[in-house]
Amino acid sequence: MFTGIIETLGRIHEIQKEQNNLHITVDSVFTNELKVDQSVSHNGICLTVVAIKESFYTVTAIEETILKTNIADWKVGDIVNLERGMKLGDRLDGHIVQGHVDQTGTCIKIEEANGSWNYTFEYDQTLNNITIEKGSITVNGVSLTVVNSKTNEFSVSIIPYTFENTNFKNFKVGTIINLEFDVVGKYISRLYSINK
């Protein structure tokens, strides 16, 4: 479990394909605090640490993860949002995030708004995920509040701290992002699709 509050940024150091899996090596400032078998969220994707060497650690993504996320688009040198699993008893400053990406979305608009930024994202509504106005959403692992919720798109507002300390600053129109919808929204969406 995660909170969606990004701890730090990491840089993709190496990507190796082995059969249907991807082994991704990341350079991070908290590598020396990690241990093998620990879960770390990478752009919202929960991946297990399988190896550690110096300031680098390696995680493995299986085919299911590759198909449901933007991980296949990652390249050496890319910057990813990182968060270690939450500890029982810590404050929950964001919202409950599982690290199980529901689907990808696309950035369709970026507006600077006098010191903050508004980002609009579009997603495939046929997968029965919904956003709720003022509800929570996780975009590339970042816990955010939904504004302007529509059938297949929504917006979020980003403060300068979030802009500087996440990979939102690298987004462009057309950027593919990972989405994890709020647990409450998922529940409502499932009820709605069952009662149709």
N, C-alpha and C. Protein backbone atom coordinates (compact mmCIF):
# COMPACT_ATOMS: atom_id res chain seq x y z
N MET A 1 0.84 -1.18 0.00
CA MET A 1 0.00 0.00 0.00
C MET A 1 0.88 1.25 0.00
N PHE A 2 0.39 2.27 -0.67
CA PHE A 2 1.11 3.52 -0.79
C PHE A 2 0.15 4.67 -0.47
N THR A 3 0.69 5.89 -0.46
CA THR A 3 -0.15 7.06 -0.17
C THR A 3 -0.27 8.00 -1.36
N GLY A 4 0.58 7.84 -2.37
CA GLY A 4 0.57 8.76 -3.50
C GLY A 4 1.35 10.03 -3.24
N ILE A 5 2.10 10.05 -2.12
CA ILE A 5 2.98 11.18 -1.84
C ILE A 5 4.38 10.76 -2.26
N ILE A 6 4.88 11.34 -3.33
CA ILE A 6 6.15 10.92 -3.93
C ILE A 6 7.30 11.30 -3.01
N GLU A 7 8.19 10.31 -2.76
CA GLU A 7 9.35 10.55 -1.89
C GLU A 7 10.50 11.19 -2.64
N THR A 8 10.73 10.69 -3.84
CA THR A 8 11.88 11.17 -4.61
C THR A 8 11.69 10.77 -6.06
N LEU A 9 12.59 11.24 -6.90
CA LEU A 9 12.61 10.85 -8.30
C LEU A 9 13.75 9.88 -8.53
N GLY A 10 13.59 8.96 -9.45
CA GLY A 10 14.65 8.04 -9.82
C GLY A 10 14.91 8.16 -11.31
N ARG A 11 16.09 7.71 -11.72
CA ARG A 11 16.44 7.73 -13.15
C ARG A 11 16.62 6.29 -13.63
N ILE A 12 15.99 5.97 -14.77
CA ILE A 12 16.13 4.63 -15.35
C ILE A 12 17.57 4.49 -15.86
N HIS A 13 18.28 3.50 -15.32
CA HIS A 13 19.68 3.28 -15.66
C HIS A 13 19.85 2.21 -16.74
N GLU A 14 19.00 1.18 -16.68
CA GLU A 14 19.12 0.07 -17.63
C GLU A 14 17.78 -0.64 -17.73
N ILE A 15 17.49 -1.14 -18.95
CA ILE A 15 16.29 -1.96 -19.18
C ILE A 15 16.72 -3.19 -19.96
N GLN A 16 16.40 -4.36 -19.41
CA GLN A 16 16.73 -5.62 -20.08
C GLN A 16 15.46 -6.43 -20.26
N LYS A 17 15.27 -6.96 -21.47
CA LYS A 17 14.12 -7.81 -21.74
C LYS A 17 14.56 -9.27 -21.59
N GLU A 18 13.76 -10.05 -20.88
CA GLU A 18 14.01 -11.49 -20.73
C GLU A 18 12.68 -12.20 -20.90
N GLN A 19 12.53 -12.88 -22.01
CA GLN A 19 11.25 -13.49 -22.41
C GLN A 19 10.17 -12.41 -22.36
N ASN A 20 9.10 -12.60 -21.58
CA ASN A 20 8.02 -11.60 -21.52
C ASN A 20 8.21 -10.59 -20.40
N ASN A 21 9.32 -10.61 -19.71
CA ASN A 21 9.57 -9.73 -18.56
C ASN A 21 10.52 -8.59 -18.93
N LEU A 22 10.42 -7.51 -18.16
CA LEU A 22 11.39 -6.42 -18.26
C LEU A 22 12.08 -6.28 -16.91
N HIS A 23 13.41 -6.25 -16.92
CA HIS A 23 14.19 -5.98 -15.72
C HIS A 23 14.65 -4.53 -15.83
N ILE A 24 14.26 -3.73 -14.88
CA ILE A 24 14.53 -2.29 -14.93
C ILE A 24 15.42 -1.91 -13.76
N THR A 25 16.54 -1.29 -14.06
CA THR A 25 17.46 -0.84 -13.02
C THR A 25 17.33 0.66 -12.87
N VAL A 26 17.18 1.08 -11.61
CA VAL A 26 16.89 2.47 -11.28
C VAL A 26 17.99 3.02 -10.38
N ASP A 27 18.39 4.26 -10.62
CA ASP A 27 19.32 4.97 -9.76
C ASP A 27 18.49 5.87 -8.84
N SER A 28 18.66 5.69 -7.53
CA SER A 28 17.84 6.43 -6.58
C SER A 28 18.63 6.81 -5.34
N VAL A 29 18.24 7.93 -4.72
CA VAL A 29 18.92 8.36 -3.49
C VAL A 29 18.58 7.47 -2.30
N PHE A 30 17.48 6.71 -2.36
CA PHE A 30 17.15 5.85 -1.21
C PHE A 30 17.49 4.38 -1.42
N THR A 31 18.29 4.07 -2.46
CA THR A 31 18.65 2.67 -2.73
C THR A 31 19.31 2.02 -1.51
N ASN A 32 20.19 2.75 -0.80
CA ASN A 32 20.89 2.16 0.35
C ASN A 32 19.94 1.81 1.50
N GLU A 33 18.70 2.30 1.46
CA GLU A 33 17.71 1.98 2.50
C GLU A 33 16.78 0.84 2.08
N LEU A 34 16.93 0.36 0.84
CA LEU A 34 16.06 -0.70 0.34
C LEU A 34 16.63 -2.07 0.68
N LYS A 35 15.78 -3.07 0.57
CA LYS A 35 16.21 -4.47 0.69
C LYS A 35 15.50 -5.27 -0.39
N VAL A 36 16.12 -6.36 -0.78
CA VAL A 36 15.51 -7.23 -1.77
C VAL A 36 14.17 -7.71 -1.23
N ASP A 37 13.16 -7.78 -2.07
CA ASP A 37 11.80 -8.22 -1.76
C ASP A 37 10.92 -7.09 -1.26
N GLN A 38 11.43 -5.84 -1.27
CA GLN A 38 10.65 -4.69 -0.83
C GLN A 38 9.86 -4.13 -2.02
N SER A 39 8.66 -3.62 -1.75
CA SER A 39 7.82 -3.02 -2.79
C SER A 39 8.11 -1.53 -2.90
N VAL A 40 8.23 -1.06 -4.14
CA VAL A 40 8.43 0.36 -4.42
C VAL A 40 7.50 0.72 -5.57
N SER A 41 6.82 1.86 -5.43
CA SER A 41 5.96 2.36 -6.49
C SER A 41 6.80 3.17 -7.47
N HIS A 42 6.69 2.83 -8.75
CA HIS A 42 7.40 3.51 -9.83
C HIS A 42 6.34 4.08 -10.77
N ASN A 43 6.14 5.39 -10.76
CA ASN A 43 5.06 6.00 -11.56
C ASN A 43 3.74 5.31 -11.27
N GLY A 44 3.55 4.89 -10.01
CA GLY A 44 2.30 4.28 -9.60
C GLY A 44 2.24 2.78 -9.75
N ILE A 45 3.30 2.16 -10.28
CA ILE A 45 3.34 0.72 -10.49
C ILE A 45 4.10 0.08 -9.34
N CYS A 46 3.45 -0.80 -8.60
CA CYS A 46 4.11 -1.50 -7.51
C CYS A 46 5.01 -2.59 -8.08
N LEU A 47 6.31 -2.46 -7.85
CA LEU A 47 7.29 -3.43 -8.34
C LEU A 47 8.19 -3.85 -7.19
N THR A 48 8.63 -5.11 -7.24
CA THR A 48 9.43 -5.68 -6.17
C THR A 48 10.92 -5.56 -6.49
N VAL A 49 11.69 -5.13 -5.50
CA VAL A 49 13.14 -5.04 -5.65
C VAL A 49 13.71 -6.46 -5.70
N VAL A 50 14.48 -6.76 -6.76
CA VAL A 50 15.06 -8.11 -6.90
C VAL A 50 16.58 -8.11 -6.78
N ALA A 51 17.20 -6.93 -6.89
CA ALA A 51 18.66 -6.85 -6.76
C ALA A 51 19.05 -5.42 -6.40
N ILE A 52 20.17 -5.31 -5.67
CA ILE A 52 20.68 -3.99 -5.26
C ILE A 52 22.18 -3.99 -5.46
N LYS A 53 22.71 -2.92 -6.06
CA LYS A 53 24.15 -2.76 -6.23
C LYS A 53 24.48 -1.28 -6.24
N GLU A 54 25.26 -0.83 -5.25
CA GLU A 54 25.65 0.57 -5.10
C GLU A 54 24.40 1.45 -5.02
N SER A 55 24.26 2.46 -5.89
CA SER A 55 23.09 3.33 -5.83
C SER A 55 21.97 2.85 -6.76
N PHE A 56 22.11 1.63 -7.28
CA PHE A 56 21.15 1.09 -8.23
C PHE A 56 20.38 -0.09 -7.62
N TYR A 57 19.13 -0.20 -7.99
CA TYR A 57 18.36 -1.39 -7.65
C TYR A 57 17.58 -1.82 -8.89
N THR A 58 17.22 -3.09 -8.93
CA THR A 58 16.52 -3.65 -10.08
C THR A 58 15.17 -4.21 -9.66
N VAL A 59 14.18 -3.97 -10.50
CA VAL A 59 12.84 -4.52 -10.33
C VAL A 59 12.47 -5.26 -11.61
N THR A 60 11.47 -6.14 -11.52
CA THR A 60 11.04 -6.90 -12.68
C THR A 60 9.55 -6.67 -12.93
N ALA A 61 9.21 -6.38 -14.17
CA ALA A 61 7.81 -6.23 -14.57
C ALA A 61 7.42 -7.41 -15.43
N ILE A 62 6.28 -8.03 -15.09
CA ILE A 62 5.77 -9.17 -15.86
C ILE A 62 4.87 -8.67 -16.99
N GLU A 63 4.46 -9.59 -17.86
CA GLU A 63 3.68 -9.23 -19.03
C GLU A 63 2.39 -8.47 -18.68
N GLU A 64 1.66 -8.90 -17.66
CA GLU A 64 0.42 -8.23 -17.24
C GLU A 64 0.69 -6.75 -16.94
N THR A 65 1.78 -6.48 -16.23
CA THR A 65 2.14 -5.09 -15.90
C THR A 65 2.51 -4.32 -17.16
N ILE A 66 3.24 -4.95 -18.03
CA ILE A 66 3.67 -4.30 -19.28
C ILE A 66 2.46 -3.92 -20.14
N LEU A 67 1.44 -4.78 -20.16
CA LEU A 67 0.26 -4.54 -20.98
C LEU A 67 -0.66 -3.46 -20.41
N LYS A 68 -0.73 -3.32 -19.08
CA LYS A 68 -1.69 -2.40 -18.46
C LYS A 68 -1.12 -1.04 -18.11
N THR A 69 0.18 -0.85 -18.26
CA THR A 69 0.82 0.39 -17.83
C THR A 69 1.63 1.01 -18.97
N ASN A 70 2.31 2.10 -18.68
CA ASN A 70 3.16 2.76 -19.69
C ASN A 70 4.61 2.29 -19.60
N ILE A 71 4.86 1.24 -18.85
CA ILE A 71 6.24 0.81 -18.58
C ILE A 71 6.99 0.41 -19.86
N ALA A 72 6.27 -0.09 -20.86
CA ALA A 72 6.92 -0.48 -22.12
C ALA A 72 7.50 0.73 -22.86
N ASP A 73 7.02 1.92 -22.52
CA ASP A 73 7.50 3.15 -23.17
C ASP A 73 8.71 3.75 -22.48
N TRP A 74 9.07 3.23 -21.29
CA TRP A 74 10.20 3.80 -20.55
C TRP A 74 11.49 3.60 -21.31
N LYS A 75 12.38 4.58 -21.17
CA LYS A 75 13.69 4.52 -21.82
C LYS A 75 14.78 4.83 -20.79
N VAL A 76 15.98 4.40 -21.06
CA VAL A 76 17.11 4.74 -20.21
C VAL A 76 17.21 6.27 -20.14
N GLY A 77 17.36 6.78 -18.94
CA GLY A 77 17.44 8.22 -18.71
C GLY A 77 16.11 8.83 -18.28
N ASP A 78 15.00 8.11 -18.46
CA ASP A 78 13.70 8.64 -18.04
C ASP A 78 13.67 8.83 -16.52
N ILE A 79 12.89 9.81 -16.09
CA ILE A 79 12.70 10.11 -14.67
C ILE A 79 11.37 9.51 -14.22
N VAL A 80 11.38 8.76 -13.11
CA VAL A 80 10.16 8.15 -12.58
C VAL A 80 9.92 8.61 -11.15
N ASN A 81 8.63 8.71 -10.78
CA ASN A 81 8.23 9.04 -9.42
C ASN A 81 8.38 7.79 -8.56
N LEU A 82 8.99 7.94 -7.37
CA LEU A 82 9.23 6.80 -6.48
C LEU A 82 8.59 7.01 -5.12
N GLU A 83 8.02 5.94 -4.59
CA GLU A 83 7.49 5.93 -3.22
C GLU A 83 7.63 4.52 -2.67
N ARG A 84 8.19 4.44 -1.47
CA ARG A 84 8.24 3.14 -0.78
C ARG A 84 6.90 2.88 -0.12
N GLY A 85 6.62 1.60 0.17
CA GLY A 85 5.37 1.23 0.82
C GLY A 85 5.19 1.95 2.14
N MET A 86 3.92 2.27 2.47
CA MET A 86 3.66 2.99 3.71
C MET A 86 3.83 2.07 4.91
N LYS A 87 4.20 2.66 6.04
CA LYS A 87 4.37 1.92 7.29
C LYS A 87 3.09 2.06 8.11
N LEU A 88 2.69 0.97 8.75
CA LEU A 88 1.54 1.02 9.63
C LEU A 88 1.81 2.03 10.74
N GLY A 89 0.88 2.89 10.99
CA GLY A 89 1.05 3.90 12.03
C GLY A 89 1.48 5.26 11.51
N ASP A 90 1.96 5.31 10.23
CA ASP A 90 2.32 6.61 9.65
C ASP A 90 1.07 7.37 9.24
N ARG A 91 1.21 8.66 9.08
CA ARG A 91 0.11 9.48 8.58
C ARG A 91 -0.20 9.08 7.14
N LEU A 92 -1.45 9.17 6.78
CA LEU A 92 -1.88 8.92 5.41
C LEU A 92 -2.14 10.28 4.77
N ASP A 93 -1.08 10.90 4.24
CA ASP A 93 -1.18 12.26 3.74
C ASP A 93 -1.85 12.36 2.37
N GLY A 94 -1.83 11.31 1.59
CA GLY A 94 -2.49 11.31 0.28
C GLY A 94 -3.82 10.59 0.39
N HIS A 95 -3.90 9.44 -0.27
CA HIS A 95 -5.05 8.55 -0.13
C HIS A 95 -4.55 7.11 -0.28
N ILE A 96 -5.40 6.15 -0.03
CA ILE A 96 -4.96 4.75 -0.13
C ILE A 96 -4.73 4.40 -1.59
N VAL A 97 -3.49 4.03 -1.89
CA VAL A 97 -3.07 3.68 -3.25
C VAL A 97 -2.53 2.26 -3.20
N GLN A 98 -3.01 1.41 -4.10
CA GLN A 98 -2.58 0.02 -4.09
C GLN A 98 -1.32 -0.23 -4.91
N GLY A 99 -1.05 0.63 -5.87
CA GLY A 99 0.08 0.38 -6.76
C GLY A 99 -0.29 -0.56 -7.89
N HIS A 100 -1.59 -0.76 -8.08
CA HIS A 100 -2.11 -1.61 -9.16
C HIS A 100 -2.77 -0.69 -10.18
N VAL A 101 -2.04 -0.38 -11.21
CA VAL A 101 -2.51 0.55 -12.23
C VAL A 101 -3.74 -0.04 -12.92
N ASP A 102 -4.79 0.77 -13.03
CA ASP A 102 -6.03 0.31 -13.67
C ASP A 102 -5.96 0.41 -15.18
N GLN A 103 -5.35 1.48 -15.66
CA GLN A 103 -5.23 1.69 -17.10
C GLN A 103 -4.33 2.91 -17.33
N THR A 104 -4.01 3.12 -18.58
CA THR A 104 -3.25 4.32 -18.93
C THR A 104 -4.21 5.41 -19.41
N GLY A 105 -3.71 6.61 -19.46
CA GLY A 105 -4.44 7.75 -19.99
C GLY A 105 -3.47 8.61 -20.78
N THR A 106 -4.00 9.65 -21.38
CA THR A 106 -3.19 10.54 -22.21
C THR A 106 -3.39 11.99 -21.77
N CYS A 107 -2.29 12.70 -21.63
CA CYS A 107 -2.36 14.13 -21.32
C CYS A 107 -2.84 14.85 -22.57
N ILE A 108 -3.97 15.59 -22.44
CA ILE A 108 -4.52 16.27 -23.62
C ILE A 108 -4.45 17.79 -23.51
N LYS A 109 -4.11 18.30 -22.31
CA LYS A 109 -4.03 19.75 -22.17
C LYS A 109 -3.21 20.11 -20.94
N ILE A 110 -2.38 21.14 -21.07
CA ILE A 110 -1.61 21.67 -19.95
C ILE A 110 -1.77 23.19 -19.98
N GLU A 111 -2.20 23.74 -18.85
CA GLU A 111 -2.37 25.20 -18.75
C GLU A 111 -1.63 25.71 -17.53
N GLU A 112 -0.82 26.75 -17.73
CA GLU A 112 -0.21 27.42 -16.58
C GLU A 112 -1.27 28.36 -16.00
N ALA A 113 -1.38 28.37 -14.65
CA ALA A 113 -2.45 29.14 -14.01
C ALA A 113 -1.91 30.01 -12.89
N ASN A 114 -1.13 31.02 -13.25
CA ASN A 114 -0.59 31.98 -12.27
C ASN A 114 0.08 31.30 -11.08
N GLY A 115 1.07 30.49 -11.36
CA GLY A 115 1.85 29.87 -10.29
C GLY A 115 1.52 28.42 -10.04
N SER A 116 0.49 27.90 -10.68
CA SER A 116 0.20 26.47 -10.60
C SER A 116 -0.08 25.99 -12.02
N TRP A 117 -0.42 24.71 -12.17
CA TRP A 117 -0.65 24.14 -13.50
C TRP A 117 -1.91 23.29 -13.45
N ASN A 118 -2.67 23.34 -14.53
CA ASN A 118 -3.84 22.48 -14.71
C ASN A 118 -3.53 21.49 -15.83
N TYR A 119 -3.68 20.21 -15.52
CA TYR A 119 -3.46 19.15 -16.50
C TYR A 119 -4.79 18.44 -16.75
N THR A 120 -5.09 18.17 -18.01
CA THR A 120 -6.29 17.42 -18.36
C THR A 120 -5.86 16.11 -19.01
N PHE A 121 -6.51 15.03 -18.58
CA PHE A 121 -6.18 13.69 -19.07
C PHE A 121 -7.44 13.02 -19.63
N GLU A 122 -7.23 12.23 -20.65
CA GLU A 122 -8.30 11.46 -21.27
C GLU A 122 -8.01 9.98 -21.06
N TYR A 123 -9.06 9.18 -20.89
CA TYR A 123 -8.87 7.74 -20.70
C TYR A 123 -10.01 6.97 -21.36
N ASP A 124 -9.81 5.69 -21.59
CA ASP A 124 -10.79 4.82 -22.24
C ASP A 124 -11.89 4.48 -21.25
N GLN A 125 -13.09 5.02 -21.47
CA GLN A 125 -14.20 4.82 -20.55
C GLN A 125 -14.80 3.42 -20.64
N THR A 126 -14.48 2.67 -21.69
CA THR A 126 -15.07 1.34 -21.84
C THR A 126 -14.54 0.34 -20.82
N LEU A 127 -13.49 0.73 -20.07
CA LEU A 127 -12.95 -0.15 -19.04
C LEU A 127 -13.68 0.03 -17.71
N ASN A 128 -14.75 0.84 -17.71
CA ASN A 128 -15.63 1.05 -16.55
C ASN A 128 -14.97 1.69 -15.35
N ASN A 129 -13.96 2.50 -15.57
CA ASN A 129 -13.38 3.29 -14.48
C ASN A 129 -13.99 4.68 -14.55
N ILE A 130 -14.20 5.29 -13.38
CA ILE A 130 -14.80 6.62 -13.34
C ILE A 130 -14.02 7.51 -12.38
N THR A 131 -14.12 8.80 -12.62
CA THR A 131 -13.62 9.76 -11.66
C THR A 131 -14.82 10.44 -11.01
N ILE A 132 -14.61 10.95 -9.82
CA ILE A 132 -15.65 11.64 -9.07
C ILE A 132 -15.13 13.04 -8.76
N GLU A 133 -15.96 14.04 -9.03
CA GLU A 133 -15.56 15.43 -8.75
C GLU A 133 -15.12 15.56 -7.29
N LYS A 134 -13.94 16.10 -7.08
CA LYS A 134 -13.30 16.28 -5.77
C LYS A 134 -12.89 14.95 -5.13
N GLY A 135 -12.97 13.86 -5.89
CA GLY A 135 -12.48 12.57 -5.41
C GLY A 135 -10.99 12.44 -5.67
N SER A 136 -10.43 11.32 -5.30
CA SER A 136 -8.99 11.09 -5.47
C SER A 136 -8.70 10.34 -6.77
N ILE A 137 -7.53 10.60 -7.31
CA ILE A 137 -7.02 9.89 -8.49
C ILE A 137 -5.51 9.81 -8.31
N THR A 138 -4.91 8.75 -8.83
CA THR A 138 -3.45 8.64 -8.82
C THR A 138 -2.96 8.71 -10.26
N VAL A 139 -2.14 9.71 -10.55
CA VAL A 139 -1.55 9.90 -11.88
C VAL A 139 -0.05 9.69 -11.75
N ASN A 140 0.47 8.65 -12.41
CA ASN A 140 1.89 8.30 -12.30
C ASN A 140 2.33 8.21 -10.84
N GLY A 141 1.44 7.68 -9.99
CA GLY A 141 1.77 7.46 -8.59
C GLY A 141 1.51 8.64 -7.68
N VAL A 142 1.08 9.78 -8.23
CA VAL A 142 0.86 10.99 -7.44
C VAL A 142 -0.61 11.08 -7.03
N SER A 143 -0.86 11.19 -5.73
CA SER A 143 -2.22 11.36 -5.22
C SER A 143 -2.70 12.77 -5.50
N LEU A 144 -3.84 12.88 -6.20
CA LEU A 144 -4.37 14.18 -6.59
C LEU A 144 -5.88 14.23 -6.43
N THR A 145 -6.42 15.44 -6.45
CA THR A 145 -7.86 15.64 -6.38
C THR A 145 -8.39 15.93 -7.77
N VAL A 146 -9.46 15.23 -8.14
CA VAL A 146 -10.09 15.40 -9.45
C VAL A 146 -10.87 16.71 -9.49
N VAL A 147 -10.67 17.46 -10.56
CA VAL A 147 -11.52 18.62 -10.86
C VAL A 147 -12.03 18.44 -12.28
N ASN A 148 -13.21 18.98 -12.55
CA ASN A 148 -13.79 18.91 -13.88
C ASN A 148 -13.91 17.47 -14.39
N SER A 149 -14.52 16.62 -13.58
CA SER A 149 -14.72 15.21 -13.94
C SER A 149 -15.75 15.08 -15.06
N LYS A 150 -15.39 14.36 -16.10
CA LYS A 150 -16.29 14.09 -17.23
C LYS A 150 -16.27 12.59 -17.51
N THR A 151 -17.04 12.16 -18.49
CA THR A 151 -17.19 10.74 -18.77
C THR A 151 -15.86 10.04 -19.05
N ASN A 152 -15.02 10.63 -19.85
CA ASN A 152 -13.76 9.97 -20.20
C ASN A 152 -12.55 10.89 -20.02
N GLU A 153 -12.71 11.95 -19.23
CA GLU A 153 -11.58 12.82 -18.96
C GLU A 153 -11.77 13.53 -17.63
N PHE A 154 -10.67 14.08 -17.14
CA PHE A 154 -10.69 14.83 -15.88
C PHE A 154 -9.48 15.74 -15.87
N SER A 155 -9.49 16.68 -14.93
CA SER A 155 -8.34 17.57 -14.76
C SER A 155 -7.86 17.50 -13.32
N VAL A 156 -6.61 17.90 -13.13
CA VAL A 156 -6.02 18.04 -11.80
C VAL A 156 -5.25 19.35 -11.79
N SER A 157 -5.12 19.94 -10.61
CA SER A 157 -4.33 21.16 -10.46
C SER A 157 -3.07 20.82 -9.67
N ILE A 158 -1.94 21.31 -10.14
CA ILE A 158 -0.64 20.97 -9.57
C ILE A 158 -0.01 22.23 -8.96
N ILE A 159 0.37 22.14 -7.69
CA ILE A 159 1.07 23.24 -7.03
C ILE A 159 2.55 23.20 -7.41
N PRO A 160 3.27 24.30 -7.22
CA PRO A 160 4.69 24.34 -7.61
C PRO A 160 5.53 23.22 -6.97
N TYR A 161 5.28 22.89 -5.70
CA TYR A 161 6.07 21.83 -5.06
C TYR A 161 5.91 20.50 -5.80
N THR A 162 4.68 20.15 -6.13
CA THR A 162 4.43 18.89 -6.85
C THR A 162 5.06 18.94 -8.24
N PHE A 163 4.94 20.07 -8.90
CA PHE A 163 5.53 20.24 -10.23
C PHE A 163 7.03 20.00 -10.19
N GLU A 164 7.71 20.58 -9.22
CA GLU A 164 9.17 20.48 -9.13
C GLU A 164 9.66 19.11 -8.64
N ASN A 165 8.86 18.41 -7.83
CA ASN A 165 9.33 17.19 -7.18
C ASN A 165 8.73 15.90 -7.73
N THR A 166 8.07 16.01 -8.89
CA THR A 166 7.56 14.82 -9.58
C THR A 166 7.90 14.95 -11.06
N ASN A 167 7.54 13.92 -11.83
CA ASN A 167 7.82 14.04 -13.26
C ASN A 167 6.72 14.75 -14.04
N PHE A 168 5.78 15.39 -13.34
CA PHE A 168 4.79 16.22 -14.03
C PHE A 168 5.47 17.30 -14.86
N LYS A 169 6.61 17.79 -14.42
CA LYS A 169 7.30 18.86 -15.16
C LYS A 169 7.77 18.40 -16.53
N ASN A 170 7.80 17.06 -16.75
CA ASN A 170 8.23 16.52 -18.04
C ASN A 170 7.06 16.17 -18.96
N PHE A 171 5.83 16.30 -18.46
CA PHE A 171 4.67 15.95 -19.28
C PHE A 171 4.51 16.94 -20.43
N LYS A 172 4.03 16.40 -21.54
CA LYS A 172 3.67 17.19 -22.71
C LYS A 172 2.30 16.70 -23.17
N VAL A 173 1.62 17.44 -23.99
CA VAL A 173 0.40 16.92 -24.60
C VAL A 173 0.78 15.67 -25.37
N GLY A 174 0.07 14.57 -25.11
CA GLY A 174 0.37 13.29 -25.74
C GLY A 174 1.09 12.32 -24.83
N THR A 175 1.61 12.79 -23.68
CA THR A 175 2.29 11.90 -22.74
C THR A 175 1.30 10.85 -22.22
N ILE A 176 1.72 9.59 -22.25
CA ILE A 176 0.92 8.47 -21.73
C ILE A 176 1.25 8.32 -20.25
N ILE A 177 0.22 8.29 -19.40
CA ILE A 177 0.42 8.23 -17.96
C ILE A 177 -0.33 7.02 -17.38
N ASN A 178 0.09 6.60 -16.17
CA ASN A 178 -0.57 5.51 -15.45
C ASN A 178 -1.66 6.09 -14.56
N LEU A 179 -2.81 5.41 -14.53
CA LEU A 179 -3.93 5.84 -13.70
C LEU A 179 -4.35 4.74 -12.74
N GLU A 180 -4.49 5.10 -11.48
CA GLU A 180 -5.14 4.22 -10.52
C GLU A 180 -6.31 5.02 -9.95
N PHE A 181 -7.50 4.51 -10.21
CA PHE A 181 -8.71 5.20 -9.78
C PHE A 181 -8.96 4.94 -8.30
N ASP A 182 -9.64 5.89 -7.66
CA ASP A 182 -9.94 5.81 -6.25
C ASP A 182 -10.75 4.55 -5.94
N VAL A 183 -10.44 3.89 -4.84
CA VAL A 183 -11.10 2.66 -4.44
C VAL A 183 -12.62 2.88 -4.33
N VAL A 184 -13.04 3.99 -3.79
CA VAL A 184 -14.48 4.29 -3.67
C VAL A 184 -15.10 4.42 -5.06
N GLY A 185 -14.43 5.12 -5.94
CA GLY A 185 -14.91 5.27 -7.31
C GLY A 185 -15.00 3.93 -8.02
N LYS A 186 -14.02 3.06 -7.78
CA LYS A 186 -14.05 1.72 -8.39
C LYS A 186 -15.27 0.95 -7.92
N TYR A 187 -15.56 1.05 -6.64
CA TYR A 187 -16.70 0.34 -6.07
C TYR A 187 -18.01 0.84 -6.69
N ILE A 188 -18.17 2.16 -6.79
CA ILE A 188 -19.37 2.74 -7.39
C ILE A 188 -19.48 2.34 -8.86
N SER A 189 -18.36 2.35 -9.56
CA SER A 189 -18.34 1.98 -10.97
C SER A 189 -18.77 0.54 -11.16
N ARG A 190 -18.29 -0.36 -10.30
CA ARG A 190 -18.67 -1.78 -10.40
C ARG A 190 -20.16 -1.97 -10.10
N LEU A 191 -20.68 -1.27 -9.10
CA LEU A 191 -22.11 -1.34 -8.78
C LEU A 191 -22.94 -0.86 -9.96
N TYR A 192 -22.50 0.24 -10.56
CA TYR A 192 -23.23 0.81 -11.69
C TYR A 192 -23.24 -0.16 -12.86
N SER A 193 -22.10 -0.79 -13.17
CA SER A 193 -22.05 -1.70 -14.32
C SER A 193 -22.85 -2.98 -14.05
N ILE A 194 -22.95 -3.41 -12.80
CA ILE A 194 -23.74 -4.61 -12.46
C ILE A 194 -25.22 -4.31 -12.59
N ASN A 195 -25.64 -3.09 -12.22
CA ASN A 195 -27.05 -2.74 -12.23
C ASN A 195 -27.56 -2.19 -13.55
N LYS A 196 -26.76 -2.18 -14.57
CA LYS A 196 -27.17 -1.67 -15.89
C LYS A 196 -28.20 -2.58 -16.52
